[in-house]
Amino acid sequence: MFVICLKLTADRERISGVLEAHKTWLAQGFEDGVFLLAGALDDGPGGLILAAGEDRAALEERLAKDPFVRDGLVAVDITAFTPSQADARLSFLKVAA
């Protein structure tokens, strides 16, 4: 599982020009069953995506197709982790030990 943080590196005007294409790219990630959560950061410009079901190389290839990434509008930080504990509502995310 991966947490992907996208931090804006460009002005909002440039971002708004490709926002709809970014949303379409996100929708494809959900349709493909790779993205579990996505949303804007509350404390600053950027967003966060929770992803699973692909290895890192495939995920990096997918991220390269994001219009924000492709156009150099965000810095990407990918953190891999293995969930071992979860609230019962999210137990499907746990990996058996």
N, C-alpha and C. Protein backbone atom coordinates (compact mmCIF):
# COMPACT_ATOMS: atom_id res chain seq x y z
N MET A 1 0.85 -1.16 0.00
CA MET A 1 0.00 0.00 0.00
C MET A 1 0.90 1.23 0.00
N PHE A 2 0.40 2.30 -0.60
CA PHE A 2 1.20 3.51 -0.74
C PHE A 2 0.38 4.74 -0.35
N VAL A 3 1.06 5.69 0.28
CA VAL A 3 0.53 7.02 0.49
C VAL A 3 1.30 7.93 -0.45
N ILE A 4 0.58 8.65 -1.28
CA ILE A 4 1.20 9.54 -2.26
C ILE A 4 0.81 10.96 -1.90
N CYS A 5 1.81 11.78 -1.68
CA CYS A 5 1.56 13.19 -1.38
C CYS A 5 1.98 14.02 -2.59
N LEU A 6 1.06 14.84 -3.06
CA LEU A 6 1.32 15.75 -4.18
C LEU A 6 1.33 17.17 -3.63
N LYS A 7 2.48 17.81 -3.65
CA LYS A 7 2.62 19.19 -3.17
C LYS A 7 2.77 20.12 -4.37
N LEU A 8 1.89 21.10 -4.43
CA LEU A 8 1.93 22.03 -5.55
C LEU A 8 3.23 22.81 -5.59
N THR A 9 3.78 22.93 -6.79
CA THR A 9 5.01 23.70 -6.99
C THR A 9 4.78 24.84 -7.98
N ALA A 10 3.55 24.97 -8.46
CA ALA A 10 3.22 26.00 -9.45
C ALA A 10 2.09 26.87 -8.91
N ASP A 11 1.88 27.99 -9.57
CA ASP A 11 0.79 28.87 -9.13
C ASP A 11 -0.56 28.23 -9.48
N ARG A 12 -1.57 28.64 -8.75
CA ARG A 12 -2.91 28.05 -8.90
C ARG A 12 -3.49 28.26 -10.30
N GLU A 13 -3.10 29.29 -10.97
CA GLU A 13 -3.61 29.55 -12.32
C GLU A 13 -3.19 28.43 -13.26
N ARG A 14 -1.94 28.01 -13.16
CA ARG A 14 -1.47 26.90 -14.01
C ARG A 14 -2.15 25.60 -13.63
N ILE A 15 -2.40 25.42 -12.34
CA ILE A 15 -3.07 24.21 -11.85
C ILE A 15 -4.49 24.16 -12.41
N SER A 16 -5.20 25.27 -12.35
CA SER A 16 -6.59 25.27 -12.79
C SER A 16 -6.73 24.89 -14.26
N GLY A 17 -5.71 25.14 -15.04
CA GLY A 17 -5.74 24.80 -16.46
C GLY A 17 -5.77 23.31 -16.75
N VAL A 18 -5.31 22.50 -15.81
CA VAL A 18 -5.30 21.05 -16.02
C VAL A 18 -6.07 20.29 -14.94
N LEU A 19 -6.83 21.02 -14.12
CA LEU A 19 -7.55 20.40 -13.01
C LEU A 19 -8.54 19.34 -13.50
N GLU A 20 -9.30 19.62 -14.54
CA GLU A 20 -10.27 18.64 -15.03
C GLU A 20 -9.58 17.38 -15.55
N ALA A 21 -8.44 17.56 -16.22
CA ALA A 21 -7.69 16.39 -16.70
C ALA A 21 -7.14 15.58 -15.52
N HIS A 22 -6.73 16.26 -14.46
CA HIS A 22 -6.27 15.57 -13.25
C HIS A 22 -7.41 14.77 -12.63
N LYS A 23 -8.60 15.37 -12.57
CA LYS A 23 -9.77 14.67 -12.01
C LYS A 23 -10.11 13.44 -12.84
N THR A 24 -10.00 13.54 -14.15
CA THR A 24 -10.24 12.39 -15.02
C THR A 24 -9.22 11.30 -14.76
N TRP A 25 -7.95 11.69 -14.58
CA TRP A 25 -6.89 10.74 -14.26
C TRP A 25 -7.18 10.06 -12.93
N LEU A 26 -7.60 10.82 -11.92
CA LEU A 26 -7.96 10.23 -10.62
C LEU A 26 -9.10 9.23 -10.78
N ALA A 27 -10.13 9.60 -11.52
CA ALA A 27 -11.28 8.72 -11.72
C ALA A 27 -10.85 7.39 -12.33
N GLN A 28 -9.89 7.44 -13.25
CA GLN A 28 -9.39 6.20 -13.86
C GLN A 28 -8.69 5.33 -12.82
N GLY A 29 -7.94 5.95 -11.91
CA GLY A 29 -7.28 5.20 -10.84
C GLY A 29 -8.28 4.50 -9.93
N PHE A 30 -9.40 5.16 -9.64
CA PHE A 30 -10.45 4.54 -8.85
C PHE A 30 -11.12 3.41 -9.65
N GLU A 31 -11.40 3.67 -10.91
CA GLU A 31 -12.04 2.66 -11.76
C GLU A 31 -11.16 1.41 -11.88
N ASP A 32 -9.85 1.61 -11.94
CA ASP A 32 -8.91 0.50 -12.04
C ASP A 32 -8.74 -0.25 -10.73
N GLY A 33 -9.31 0.29 -9.64
CA GLY A 33 -9.21 -0.35 -8.33
C GLY A 33 -7.89 -0.11 -7.63
N VAL A 34 -7.13 0.87 -8.07
CA VAL A 34 -5.83 1.17 -7.47
C VAL A 34 -5.95 2.24 -6.39
N PHE A 35 -6.73 3.27 -6.63
CA PHE A 35 -6.88 4.34 -5.65
C PHE A 35 -8.00 4.00 -4.68
N LEU A 36 -7.72 4.16 -3.39
CA LEU A 36 -8.70 3.90 -2.34
C LEU A 36 -9.27 5.18 -1.76
N LEU A 37 -8.46 6.22 -1.67
CA LEU A 37 -8.85 7.53 -1.15
C LEU A 37 -8.06 8.60 -1.90
N ALA A 38 -8.65 9.77 -2.04
CA ALA A 38 -7.92 10.90 -2.60
C ALA A 38 -8.59 12.17 -2.11
N GLY A 39 -7.79 13.19 -1.90
CA GLY A 39 -8.37 14.46 -1.48
C GLY A 39 -7.32 15.54 -1.33
N ALA A 40 -7.81 16.76 -1.18
CA ALA A 40 -6.94 17.92 -1.01
C ALA A 40 -6.40 17.97 0.42
N LEU A 41 -5.20 18.49 0.58
CA LEU A 41 -4.63 18.70 1.90
C LEU A 41 -5.31 19.88 2.57
N ASP A 42 -5.62 19.74 3.84
CA ASP A 42 -6.26 20.82 4.58
C ASP A 42 -5.29 21.93 4.95
N ASP A 43 -4.00 21.58 5.11
CA ASP A 43 -3.03 22.54 5.63
C ASP A 43 -2.11 23.14 4.56
N GLY A 44 -2.46 23.00 3.32
CA GLY A 44 -1.62 23.58 2.30
C GLY A 44 -2.01 23.12 0.92
N PRO A 45 -1.38 23.69 -0.09
CA PRO A 45 -1.74 23.33 -1.46
C PRO A 45 -1.17 21.97 -1.84
N GLY A 46 -2.07 21.10 -2.25
CA GLY A 46 -1.66 19.77 -2.67
C GLY A 46 -2.72 18.76 -2.33
N GLY A 47 -2.36 17.49 -2.45
CA GLY A 47 -3.32 16.44 -2.20
C GLY A 47 -2.65 15.16 -1.75
N LEU A 48 -3.48 14.21 -1.37
CA LEU A 48 -3.00 12.92 -0.89
C LEU A 48 -3.83 11.82 -1.54
N ILE A 49 -3.16 10.73 -1.89
CA ILE A 49 -3.82 9.57 -2.50
C ILE A 49 -3.37 8.34 -1.73
N LEU A 50 -4.30 7.45 -1.40
CA LEU A 50 -4.00 6.14 -0.83
C LEU A 50 -4.20 5.14 -1.95
N ALA A 51 -3.18 4.35 -2.22
CA ALA A 51 -3.22 3.41 -3.35
C ALA A 51 -2.78 2.02 -2.92
N ALA A 52 -3.34 1.02 -3.59
CA ALA A 52 -2.96 -0.37 -3.34
C ALA A 52 -3.23 -1.16 -4.61
N GLY A 53 -2.62 -2.33 -4.69
CA GLY A 53 -2.92 -3.23 -5.80
C GLY A 53 -1.95 -3.14 -6.96
N GLU A 54 -0.96 -2.29 -6.88
CA GLU A 54 0.09 -2.19 -7.89
C GLU A 54 1.43 -2.15 -7.17
N ASP A 55 2.47 -2.65 -7.85
CA ASP A 55 3.79 -2.50 -7.26
C ASP A 55 4.27 -1.07 -7.51
N ARG A 56 5.39 -0.73 -6.90
CA ARG A 56 5.87 0.66 -6.96
C ARG A 56 6.16 1.10 -8.40
N ALA A 57 6.76 0.22 -9.19
CA ALA A 57 7.09 0.60 -10.57
C ALA A 57 5.83 0.93 -11.37
N ALA A 58 4.79 0.11 -11.23
CA ALA A 58 3.53 0.37 -11.94
C ALA A 58 2.88 1.65 -11.43
N LEU A 59 2.96 1.88 -10.12
CA LEU A 59 2.39 3.10 -9.55
C LEU A 59 3.13 4.33 -10.06
N GLU A 60 4.45 4.26 -10.11
CA GLU A 60 5.23 5.40 -10.62
C GLU A 60 4.88 5.67 -12.09
N GLU A 61 4.66 4.61 -12.86
CA GLU A 61 4.25 4.78 -14.26
C GLU A 61 2.88 5.45 -14.34
N ARG A 62 1.97 5.04 -13.47
CA ARG A 62 0.64 5.65 -13.42
C ARG A 62 0.75 7.13 -13.04
N LEU A 63 1.55 7.43 -12.02
CA LEU A 63 1.70 8.82 -11.56
C LEU A 63 2.30 9.70 -12.65
N ALA A 64 3.19 9.16 -13.44
CA ALA A 64 3.81 9.94 -14.52
C ALA A 64 2.78 10.43 -15.53
N LYS A 65 1.63 9.76 -15.59
CA LYS A 65 0.57 10.15 -16.52
C LYS A 65 -0.39 11.19 -15.94
N ASP A 66 -0.27 11.49 -14.65
CA ASP A 66 -1.09 12.53 -14.04
C ASP A 66 -0.71 13.86 -14.67
N PRO A 67 -1.67 14.62 -15.19
CA PRO A 67 -1.33 15.91 -15.80
C PRO A 67 -0.56 16.85 -14.87
N PHE A 68 -0.85 16.80 -13.57
CA PHE A 68 -0.09 17.63 -12.62
C PHE A 68 1.38 17.23 -12.61
N VAL A 69 1.65 15.94 -12.62
CA VAL A 69 3.03 15.44 -12.60
C VAL A 69 3.68 15.68 -13.96
N ARG A 70 2.97 15.28 -15.00
CA ARG A 70 3.49 15.40 -16.37
C ARG A 70 3.93 16.83 -16.68
N ASP A 71 3.14 17.82 -16.20
CA ASP A 71 3.43 19.22 -16.50
C ASP A 71 4.32 19.88 -15.45
N GLY A 72 4.84 19.09 -14.49
CA GLY A 72 5.76 19.62 -13.48
C GLY A 72 5.11 20.58 -12.49
N LEU A 73 3.82 20.38 -12.21
CA LEU A 73 3.10 21.28 -11.33
C LEU A 73 3.10 20.84 -9.87
N VAL A 74 3.52 19.61 -9.61
CA VAL A 74 3.56 19.07 -8.25
C VAL A 74 4.85 18.31 -8.02
N ALA A 75 5.25 18.27 -6.76
CA ALA A 75 6.33 17.38 -6.31
C ALA A 75 5.64 16.16 -5.72
N VAL A 76 6.13 14.98 -6.04
CA VAL A 76 5.50 13.73 -5.61
C VAL A 76 6.37 13.04 -4.56
N ASP A 77 5.72 12.62 -3.48
CA ASP A 77 6.39 11.83 -2.45
C ASP A 77 5.58 10.55 -2.27
N ILE A 78 6.21 9.40 -2.48
CA ILE A 78 5.54 8.11 -2.34
C ILE A 78 6.11 7.40 -1.12
N THR A 79 5.22 7.00 -0.22
CA THR A 79 5.62 6.25 0.97
C THR A 79 4.89 4.92 0.97
N ALA A 80 5.66 3.83 1.03
CA ALA A 80 5.07 2.49 1.10
C ALA A 80 4.89 2.10 2.55
N PHE A 81 3.80 1.39 2.85
CA PHE A 81 3.61 0.86 4.19
C PHE A 81 2.72 -0.37 4.13
N THR A 82 2.81 -1.19 5.17
CA THR A 82 2.01 -2.40 5.28
C THR A 82 1.11 -2.25 6.49
N PRO A 83 -0.19 -2.04 6.28
CA PRO A 83 -1.10 -1.88 7.41
C PRO A 83 -1.27 -3.20 8.17
N SER A 84 -1.01 -3.16 9.47
CA SER A 84 -1.15 -4.36 10.30
C SER A 84 -2.27 -4.21 11.32
N GLN A 85 -2.73 -3.01 11.53
CA GLN A 85 -3.85 -2.74 12.43
C GLN A 85 -4.79 -1.77 11.73
N ALA A 86 -6.08 -1.96 12.00
CA ALA A 86 -7.07 -1.07 11.39
C ALA A 86 -8.35 -1.09 12.21
N ASP A 87 -9.06 0.01 12.17
CA ASP A 87 -10.40 0.06 12.72
C ASP A 87 -11.23 -1.00 11.97
N ALA A 88 -12.21 -1.57 12.63
CA ALA A 88 -13.02 -2.62 12.02
C ALA A 88 -13.61 -2.18 10.67
N ARG A 89 -13.91 -0.90 10.54
CA ARG A 89 -14.49 -0.41 9.29
C ARG A 89 -13.51 -0.47 8.14
N LEU A 90 -12.21 -0.56 8.46
CA LEU A 90 -11.17 -0.61 7.42
C LEU A 90 -10.39 -1.93 7.46
N SER A 91 -10.93 -2.93 8.07
CA SER A 91 -10.19 -4.18 8.25
C SER A 91 -9.80 -4.83 6.93
N PHE A 92 -10.49 -4.54 5.87
CA PHE A 92 -10.14 -5.10 4.57
C PHE A 92 -8.77 -4.62 4.08
N LEU A 93 -8.25 -3.56 4.68
CA LEU A 93 -6.94 -3.01 4.28
C LEU A 93 -5.77 -3.72 4.95
N LYS A 94 -6.03 -4.45 6.03
CA LYS A 94 -4.93 -5.08 6.79
C LYS A 94 -4.28 -6.19 5.97
N VAL A 95 -3.00 -6.34 6.20
CA VAL A 95 -2.25 -7.44 5.60
C VAL A 95 -1.99 -8.44 6.70
N ALA A 96 -2.32 -9.68 6.46
CA ALA A 96 -2.11 -10.73 7.48
C ALA A 96 -0.63 -10.87 7.78
N ALA A 97 -0.33 -11.06 9.06
CA ALA A 97 1.08 -11.22 9.47
C ALA A 97 1.58 -12.61 9.19
